[in-house]
Amino acid sequence: MMTRLINLRSVAIALFVAVLSLTTIQAASAEKLYYSTLFGTAVEGYDVVAYFTDGKPVEGSKDHSAEWKGVDWYFASDEHKKMFEANPEKYAPQYGGYCAWAVSQGYTASTVPEAWKIVDDKLYLNYSKGVQSTWEEDIPGNIGLANNNWPGIEKELK
């Protein structure tokens, strides 16, 4: 009886690991083109339109979601979802949602929804508020560096 329980537990663990591995592989392939969470959600599930309309990060909902560039985008309302779908490039963060500072330095890093800034009607995200402070010391210079670095980085991600 004990051996049977151990075997069932081993099978359950193996199945869990297999499902987790598949989820990770799917998220990693989406993450290559656009930074997303393990489960394929852009900007940690925050509503990117809200940065422009509300001037702050607002959590989105799975009830108002759209798929774009291989990741799921969550919105706080159907109105925001429709605005995004009409012009995703307007609302999506620059540099595939990766940290603007990291891209300016020639590499990628994850981001947090709270470290953000809109410059010339474009959304930029950073790894943290501390990194954002460094990035803000020379926004035009860092955007210029990142714009030059991004095509090469993007090519490597594909």
C-alpha atoms as a PDB file:
ATOM      1  CA  MET A   1       0.000   0.000   0.000  1.00  0.00           C
ATOM      2  CA  MET A   2       2.812   2.449   0.915  1.00  0.00           C
ATOM      3  CA  THR A   3       4.665   1.671  -2.342  1.00  0.00           C
ATOM      4  CA  ARG A   4       1.512   2.378  -4.355  1.00  0.00           C
ATOM      5  CA  LEU A   5       1.089   5.782  -2.630  1.00  0.00           C
ATOM      6  CA  ILE A   6       4.718   6.655  -3.290  1.00  0.00           C
ATOM      7  CA  ASN A   7       4.322   5.680  -6.964  1.00  0.00           C
ATOM      8  CA  LEU A   8       1.133   7.735  -7.314  1.00  0.00           C
ATOM      9  CA  ARG A   9       2.852  10.692  -5.683  1.00  0.00           C
ATOM     10  CA  SER A  10       5.832  10.305  -8.043  1.00  0.00           C
ATOM     11  CA  VAL A  11       3.504  10.214 -11.051  1.00  0.00           C
ATOM     12  CA  ALA A  12       1.656  13.316  -9.818  1.00  0.00           C
ATOM     13  CA  ILE A  13       4.935  15.197  -9.337  1.00  0.00           C
ATOM     14  CA  ALA A  14       6.166  14.118 -12.775  1.00  0.00           C
ATOM     15  CA  LEU A  15       2.921  15.331 -14.390  1.00  0.00           C
ATOM     16  CA  PHE A  16       3.143  18.653 -12.561  1.00  0.00           C
ATOM     17  CA  VAL A  17       6.737  19.148 -13.715  1.00  0.00           C
ATOM     18  CA  ALA A  18       5.789  18.255 -17.299  1.00  0.00           C
ATOM     19  CA  VAL A  19       2.910  20.758 -17.351  1.00  0.00           C
ATOM     20  CA  LEU A  20       5.097  23.444 -15.776  1.00  0.00           C
ATOM     21  CA  SER A  21       7.820  22.764 -18.358  1.00  0.00           C
ATOM     22  CA  LEU A  22       5.368  23.142 -21.238  1.00  0.00           C
ATOM     23  CA  THR A  23       4.038  26.380 -19.760  1.00  0.00           C
ATOM     24  CA  THR A  24       7.583  27.684 -19.378  1.00  0.00           C
ATOM     25  CA  ILE A  25       8.477  26.743 -22.958  1.00  0.00           C
ATOM     26  CA  GLN A  26       5.353  28.498 -24.298  1.00  0.00           C
ATOM     27  CA  ALA A  27       6.024  31.608 -22.209  1.00  0.00           C
ATOM     28  CA  ALA A  28       9.678  31.652 -23.169  1.00  0.00           C
ATOM     29  CA  SER A  29       8.856  31.624 -26.875  1.00  0.00           C
ATOM     30  CA  ALA A  30       6.432  34.525 -26.409  1.00  0.00           C
ATOM     31  CA  GLU A  31       8.877  36.274 -24.113  1.00  0.00           C
ATOM     32  CA  LYS A  32      11.534  36.277 -26.808  1.00  0.00           C
ATOM     33  CA  LEU A  33       9.495  38.638 -28.971  1.00  0.00           C
ATOM     34  CA  TYR A  34       7.813  40.538 -26.190  1.00  0.00           C
ATOM     35  CA  TYR A  35       8.602  40.529 -22.489  1.00  0.00           C
ATOM     36  CA  SER A  36       5.838  38.773 -20.544  1.00  0.00           C
ATOM     37  CA  THR A  37       5.213  36.862 -17.356  1.00  0.00           C
ATOM     38  CA  LEU A  38       5.640  33.111 -17.095  1.00  0.00           C
ATOM     39  CA  PHE A  39       2.007  32.762 -18.135  1.00  0.00           C
ATOM     40  CA  GLY A  40       2.356  34.985 -21.224  1.00  0.00           C
ATOM     41  CA  THR A  41       0.858  38.180 -19.827  1.00  0.00           C
ATOM     42  CA  ALA A  42       2.280  41.543 -20.876  1.00  0.00           C
ATOM     43  CA  VAL A  43       3.213  44.171 -18.273  1.00  0.00           C
ATOM     44  CA  GLU A  44       2.373  41.894 -15.329  1.00  0.00           C
ATOM     45  CA  GLY A  45      -1.309  42.095 -16.333  1.00  0.00           C
ATOM     46  CA  TYR A  46      -1.487  45.894 -16.102  1.00  0.00           C
ATOM     47  CA  ASP A  47      -3.542  47.981 -18.525  1.00  0.00           C
ATOM     48  CA  VAL A  48      -1.133  49.798 -20.857  1.00  0.00           C
ATOM     49  CA  VAL A  49      -3.854  52.173 -22.075  1.00  0.00           C
ATOM     50  CA  ALA A  50      -4.383  53.379 -18.496  1.00  0.00           C
ATOM     51  CA  TYR A  51      -0.855  54.831 -18.409  1.00  0.00           C
ATOM     52  CA  PHE A  52      -2.040  57.244 -21.108  1.00  0.00           C
ATOM     53  CA  THR A  53      -5.621  57.846 -19.944  1.00  0.00           C
ATOM     54  CA  ASP A  54      -5.297  57.649 -16.135  1.00  0.00           C
ATOM     55  CA  GLY A  55      -1.646  58.642 -15.784  1.00  0.00           C
ATOM     56  CA  LYS A  56      -0.889  55.689 -13.524  1.00  0.00           C
ATOM     57  CA  PRO A  57      -0.540  51.907 -13.561  1.00  0.00           C
ATOM     58  CA  VAL A  58      -3.923  50.183 -13.304  1.00  0.00           C
ATOM     59  CA  GLU A  59      -4.371  46.440 -13.048  1.00  0.00           C
ATOM     60  CA  GLY A  60      -6.145  44.860 -15.971  1.00  0.00           C
ATOM     61  CA  SER A  61      -8.531  41.946 -15.957  1.00  0.00           C
ATOM     62  CA  LYS A  62      -8.617  38.657 -17.805  1.00  0.00           C
ATOM     63  CA  ASP A  63     -12.233  39.584 -18.588  1.00  0.00           C
ATOM     64  CA  HIS A  64     -10.918  42.358 -20.849  1.00  0.00           C
ATOM     65  CA  SER A  65      -7.987  40.741 -22.626  1.00  0.00           C
ATOM     66  CA  ALA A  66      -6.555  40.727 -26.119  1.00  0.00           C
ATOM     67  CA  GLU A  67      -3.738  38.752 -27.723  1.00  0.00           C
ATOM     68  CA  TRP A  68      -1.029  40.683 -29.588  1.00  0.00           C
ATOM     69  CA  LYS A  69       2.510  39.670 -30.522  1.00  0.00           C
ATOM     70  CA  GLY A  70       2.144  36.295 -28.840  1.00  0.00           C
ATOM     71  CA  VAL A  71       1.199  37.607 -25.394  1.00  0.00           C
ATOM     72  CA  ASP A  72      -2.020  38.393 -23.562  1.00  0.00           C
ATOM     73  CA  TRP A  73      -2.738  42.022 -22.717  1.00  0.00           C
ATOM     74  CA  TYR A  74      -5.156  42.787 -19.881  1.00  0.00           C
ATOM     75  CA  PHE A  75      -7.250  45.935 -19.639  1.00  0.00           C
ATOM     76  CA  ALA A  76      -9.369  47.561 -16.954  1.00  0.00           C
ATOM     77  CA  SER A  77     -12.318  48.024 -19.323  1.00  0.00           C
ATOM     78  CA  ASP A  78     -13.669  47.041 -22.716  1.00  0.00           C
ATOM     79  CA  GLU A  79     -13.112  50.640 -23.813  1.00  0.00           C
ATOM     80  CA  HIS A  80      -9.374  50.349 -23.123  1.00  0.00           C
ATOM     81  CA  LYS A  81      -9.247  46.971 -24.849  1.00  0.00           C
ATOM     82  CA  LYS A  82     -10.860  48.476 -27.966  1.00  0.00           C
ATOM     83  CA  MET A  83      -8.466  51.445 -27.898  1.00  0.00           C
ATOM     84  CA  PHE A  84      -5.512  49.053 -27.766  1.00  0.00           C
ATOM     85  CA  GLU A  85      -6.840  46.803 -30.516  1.00  0.00           C
ATOM     86  CA  ALA A  86      -7.341  49.840 -32.780  1.00  0.00           C
ATOM     87  CA  ASN A  87      -3.689  50.906 -32.380  1.00  0.00           C
ATOM     88  CA  PRO A  88      -1.517  48.569 -30.289  1.00  0.00           C
ATOM     89  CA  GLU A  89       1.741  50.246 -31.318  1.00  0.00           C
ATOM     90  CA  LYS A  90       0.529  53.495 -29.738  1.00  0.00           C
ATOM     91  CA  TYR A  91       0.051  51.916 -26.297  1.00  0.00           C
ATOM     92  CA  ALA A  92       2.536  49.051 -26.121  1.00  0.00           C
ATOM     93  CA  PRO A  93       5.773  49.803 -24.256  1.00  0.00           C
ATOM     94  CA  GLN A  94       8.879  50.463 -26.293  1.00  0.00           C
ATOM     95  CA  TYR A  95      11.591  47.847 -26.826  1.00  0.00           C
ATOM     96  CA  GLY A  96       9.272  44.872 -26.595  1.00  0.00           C
ATOM     97  CA  GLY A  97       8.362  45.754 -23.022  1.00  0.00           C
ATOM     98  CA  TYR A  98      11.934  45.210 -21.805  1.00  0.00           C
ATOM     99  CA  CYS A  99      13.688  47.675 -19.506  1.00  0.00           C
ATOM    100  CA  ALA A 100      14.472  50.907 -21.383  1.00  0.00           C
ATOM    101  CA  TRP A 101      17.673  51.415 -19.363  1.00  0.00           C
ATOM    102  CA  ALA A 102      18.903  47.877 -20.055  1.00  0.00           C
ATOM    103  CA  VAL A 103      18.270  48.258 -23.779  1.00  0.00           C
ATOM    104  CA  SER A 104      20.170  51.561 -23.735  1.00  0.00           C
ATOM    105  CA  GLN A 105      23.096  49.590 -22.294  1.00  0.00           C
ATOM    106  CA  GLY A 106      22.823  46.822 -24.911  1.00  0.00           C
ATOM    107  CA  TYR A 107      20.958  44.050 -23.078  1.00  0.00           C
ATOM    108  CA  THR A 108      17.459  43.139 -21.877  1.00  0.00           C
ATOM    109  CA  ALA A 109      15.960  43.001 -18.398  1.00  0.00           C
ATOM    110  CA  SER A 110      12.494  42.482 -16.992  1.00  0.00           C
ATOM    111  CA  THR A 111      10.293  45.381 -15.928  1.00  0.00           C
ATOM    112  CA  VAL A 112       7.783  46.316 -13.251  1.00  0.00           C
ATOM    113  CA  PRO A 113       4.549  48.211 -13.952  1.00  0.00           C
ATOM    114  CA  GLU A 114       5.358  50.898 -11.361  1.00  0.00           C
ATOM    115  CA  ALA A 115       8.579  52.061 -13.096  1.00  0.00           C
ATOM    116  CA  TRP A 116       7.205  53.846 -16.136  1.00  0.00           C
ATOM    117  CA  LYS A 117       7.281  57.101 -18.049  1.00  0.00           C
ATOM    118  CA  ILE A 118       5.599  58.456 -21.154  1.00  0.00           C
ATOM    119  CA  VAL A 119       7.935  60.457 -23.376  1.00  0.00           C
ATOM    120  CA  ASP A 120       6.726  61.888 -26.693  1.00  0.00           C
ATOM    121  CA  ASP A 121       3.571  59.730 -26.504  1.00  0.00           C
ATOM    122  CA  LYS A 122       5.561  56.515 -26.039  1.00  0.00           C
ATOM    123  CA  LEU A 123       5.518  54.281 -22.974  1.00  0.00           C
ATOM    124  CA  TYR A 124       8.847  53.239 -21.443  1.00  0.00           C
ATOM    125  CA  LEU A 125       9.200  50.700 -18.648  1.00  0.00           C
ATOM    126  CA  ASN A 126      12.156  49.994 -16.392  1.00  0.00           C
ATOM    127  CA  TYR A 127      13.414  47.207 -14.174  1.00  0.00           C
ATOM    128  CA  SER A 128      12.743  49.158 -10.969  1.00  0.00           C
ATOM    129  CA  LYS A 129      12.158  52.678  -9.695  1.00  0.00           C
ATOM    130  CA  GLY A 130      15.867  52.915  -8.875  1.00  0.00           C
ATOM    131  CA  VAL A 131      16.869  51.966 -12.407  1.00  0.00           C
ATOM    132  CA  GLN A 132      14.250  54.383 -13.714  1.00  0.00           C
ATOM    133  CA  SER A 133      15.917  57.207 -11.751  1.00  0.00           C
ATOM    134  CA  THR A 134      19.213  56.415 -13.465  1.00  0.00           C
ATOM    135  CA  TRP A 135      17.487  56.274 -16.874  1.00  0.00           C
ATOM    136  CA  GLU A 136      15.834  59.650 -16.189  1.00  0.00           C
ATOM    137  CA  GLU A 137      19.221  61.350 -15.692  1.00  0.00           C
ATOM    138  CA  ASP A 138      19.486  61.552 -19.502  1.00  0.00           C
ATOM    139  CA  ILE A 139      16.201  60.492 -21.070  1.00  0.00           C
ATOM    140  CA  PRO A 140      16.936  61.750 -24.617  1.00  0.00           C
ATOM    141  CA  GLY A 141      20.433  60.244 -24.588  1.00  0.00           C
ATOM    142  CA  ASN A 142      19.216  56.919 -23.200  1.00  0.00           C
ATOM    143  CA  ILE A 143      16.354  56.739 -25.698  1.00  0.00           C
ATOM    144  CA  GLY A 144      18.843  57.431 -28.494  1.00  0.00           C
ATOM    145  CA  LEU A 145      21.154  54.667 -27.278  1.00  0.00           C
ATOM    146  CA  ALA A 146      18.257  52.248 -26.879  1.00  0.00           C
ATOM    147  CA  ASN A 147      16.871  53.087 -30.328  1.00  0.00           C
ATOM    148  CA  ASN A 148      20.289  52.253 -31.799  1.00  0.00           C
ATOM    149  CA  ASN A 149      20.646  49.041 -29.748  1.00  0.00           C
ATOM    150  CA  TRP A 150      17.113  47.701 -30.134  1.00  0.00           C
ATOM    151  CA  PRO A 151      17.285  46.403 -33.750  1.00  0.00           C
ATOM    152  CA  GLY A 152      20.291  44.201 -32.900  1.00  0.00           C
ATOM    153  CA  ILE A 153      18.768  43.031 -29.631  1.00  0.00           C
ATOM    154  CA  GLU A 154      15.436  42.315 -31.303  1.00  0.00           C
ATOM    155  CA  LYS A 155      17.194  40.287 -34.023  1.00  0.00           C
ATOM    156  CA  GLU A 156      18.943  38.186 -31.337  1.00  0.00           C
ATOM    157  CA  LEU A 157      15.630  37.561 -29.550  1.00  0.00           C
ATOM    158  CA  LYS A 158      14.037  36.088 -32.668  1.00  0.00           C
END
